[in-house]
Amino acid sequence: MRNMSFMLTTQQILDGTKTVTRRDGWAFIKPGDRVRAVRKSRGLRPGEKLSTLRVLEIALVTREPLSAITQEEVIREGFPDMSREEFISMFCASHKGCTPETEITRIEFRYVD
C-alpha cells in the first residue's frame, strides 16, 4: 500500500472532514486503490518513523487545471476558511513551477478504517 502525505491537513484527515486532495502527479492512481494516509513521508530524520493517520480508498480520479477548483472543493480539501484564490496561491507556492493553469490530479476518497 502506498503512503500519501497529509502534513498540512493532518487534523482534517483525523477528523474525517477532508474528502478530496489535489496532487501534482499521482496520475497513476485509480478508483478502488487504497493508500495509507501519513503525516509525513519524505524528509524523515534519522530515527523518525512514519505516522499513519488512516487508510483511504480512492473513489474518483480526474485531471484538471488547478484554477478549476470551486469554493465547495476548497472546503472538501479541508480549508473552510480559505477562499479559492487563497487556496490556489498556497498550492502554487508549495509546488515548484505550478501556476493556476497547471493540470493537477484531483483525488476523491473515502475512509475505510
Protein backbone atom coordinates (compact mmCIF):
# COMPACT_ATOMS: atom_id res chain seq x y z
CA MET A 1 0.00 0.00 0.00
CA ARG A 2 1.39 3.40 -0.98
CA ASN A 3 1.83 6.22 1.50
CA MET A 4 0.25 9.62 0.85
CA SER A 5 1.39 12.55 2.98
CA PHE A 6 -1.10 14.92 4.61
CA MET A 7 1.28 17.16 6.54
CA LEU A 8 -0.79 20.34 6.03
CA THR A 9 -4.14 18.65 6.67
CA THR A 10 -3.34 16.06 9.34
CA GLN A 11 -6.16 17.16 11.64
CA GLN A 12 -8.71 17.19 8.79
CA ILE A 13 -7.78 13.58 7.95
CA LEU A 14 -8.04 12.56 11.61
CA ASP A 15 -11.43 14.33 11.88
CA GLY A 16 -12.65 12.81 8.60
CA THR A 17 -13.62 16.23 7.21
CA LYS A 18 -11.24 16.12 4.22
CA THR A 19 -12.66 14.10 1.32
CA VAL A 20 -10.60 15.27 -1.65
CA THR A 21 -6.96 16.11 -2.31
CA ARG A 22 -5.11 17.66 -5.21
CA ARG A 23 -1.68 16.42 -6.19
CA ASP A 24 0.96 17.39 -8.69
CA GLY A 25 1.50 13.92 -10.12
CA TRP A 26 -0.30 10.82 -8.85
CA ALA A 27 -1.91 10.34 -12.29
CA PHE A 28 -1.33 6.58 -11.91
CA ILE A 29 -3.81 6.13 -9.02
CA LYS A 30 -7.18 4.53 -9.78
CA PRO A 31 -10.58 4.19 -8.11
CA GLY A 32 -10.52 1.24 -5.74
CA ASP A 33 -6.84 1.69 -4.84
CA ARG A 34 -6.10 2.05 -1.14
CA VAL A 35 -3.48 4.36 0.32
CA ARG A 36 -2.10 4.87 3.79
CA ALA A 37 -2.58 8.47 4.86
CA VAL A 38 0.54 9.51 6.77
CA ARG A 39 1.56 12.72 8.49
CA LYS A 40 4.85 12.99 6.59
CA SER A 41 6.56 10.57 4.21
CA ARG A 42 9.58 12.49 2.87
CA GLY A 43 12.42 14.11 4.71
CA LEU A 44 12.17 11.89 7.77
CA ARG A 45 15.10 12.42 10.11
CA PRO A 46 17.18 9.50 11.38
CA GLY A 47 15.07 7.60 13.89
CA GLU A 48 11.86 9.34 12.82
CA LYS A 49 9.10 6.91 11.82
CA LEU A 50 6.06 7.15 9.59
CA SER A 51 2.97 8.25 11.46
CA THR A 52 -0.07 6.51 9.96
CA LEU A 53 -3.26 8.54 10.18
CA ARG A 54 -5.92 6.48 8.38
CA VAL A 55 -6.49 4.22 5.40
CA LEU A 56 -8.22 5.74 2.38
CA GLU A 57 -9.94 4.15 -0.61
CA ILE A 58 -9.81 6.12 -3.84
CA ALA A 59 -13.29 6.86 -5.20
CA LEU A 60 -12.63 9.12 -8.21
CA VAL A 61 -9.57 10.44 -10.02
CA THR A 62 -9.65 13.29 -12.54
CA ARG A 63 -7.10 15.67 -14.07
CA GLU A 64 -7.95 19.34 -14.26
CA PRO A 65 -6.35 22.78 -14.13
CA LEU A 66 -5.81 23.96 -10.57
CA SER A 67 -7.91 27.04 -11.42
CA ALA A 68 -10.98 24.78 -11.85
CA ILE A 69 -11.30 24.43 -8.07
CA THR A 70 -14.57 25.72 -6.62
CA GLN A 71 -15.24 27.13 -3.16
CA GLU A 72 -17.04 23.89 -2.25
CA GLU A 73 -13.93 21.95 -3.24
CA VAL A 74 -11.71 24.20 -1.09
CA ILE A 75 -13.90 23.19 1.85
CA ARG A 76 -13.64 19.49 0.88
CA GLU A 77 -9.85 20.00 0.77
CA GLY A 78 -10.02 20.88 4.46
CA PHE A 79 -9.81 24.68 4.29
CA PRO A 80 -13.30 26.03 5.09
CA ASP A 81 -11.97 29.50 5.97
CA MET A 82 -9.89 29.92 2.83
CA SER A 83 -11.05 31.44 -0.46
CA ARG A 84 -10.41 29.61 -3.71
CA GLU A 85 -7.89 32.29 -4.67
CA GLU A 86 -6.04 31.78 -1.38
CA PHE A 87 -6.02 28.00 -1.91
CA ILE A 88 -4.66 28.35 -5.45
CA SER A 89 -1.96 30.73 -4.21
CA MET A 90 -0.99 28.38 -1.35
CA PHE A 91 -0.90 25.34 -3.65
CA CYS A 92 1.25 27.12 -6.23
CA ALA A 93 3.63 28.41 -3.54
CA SER A 94 4.17 24.88 -2.25
CA HIS A 95 4.66 23.23 -5.68
CA LYS A 96 7.62 24.48 -7.71
CA GLY A 97 6.64 25.56 -11.22
CA CYS A 98 2.91 25.36 -10.52
CA THR A 99 0.57 28.00 -11.91
CA PRO A 100 -3.23 28.22 -11.77
CA GLU A 101 -3.26 26.69 -15.26
CA THR A 102 -1.18 23.65 -14.23
CA GLU A 103 -3.07 20.40 -14.71
CA ILE A 104 -3.18 18.55 -11.41
CA THR A 105 -4.73 15.30 -10.19
CA ARG A 106 -7.93 15.61 -8.18
CA ILE A 107 -8.35 12.56 -5.93
CA GLU A 108 -11.64 11.93 -4.16
CA PHE A 109 -11.53 9.34 -1.39
CA ARG A 110 -13.45 7.71 1.43
CA TYR A 111 -12.25 6.45 4.79
CA VAL A 112 -12.13 2.67 5.23
CA ASP A 113 -10.88 2.32 8.79
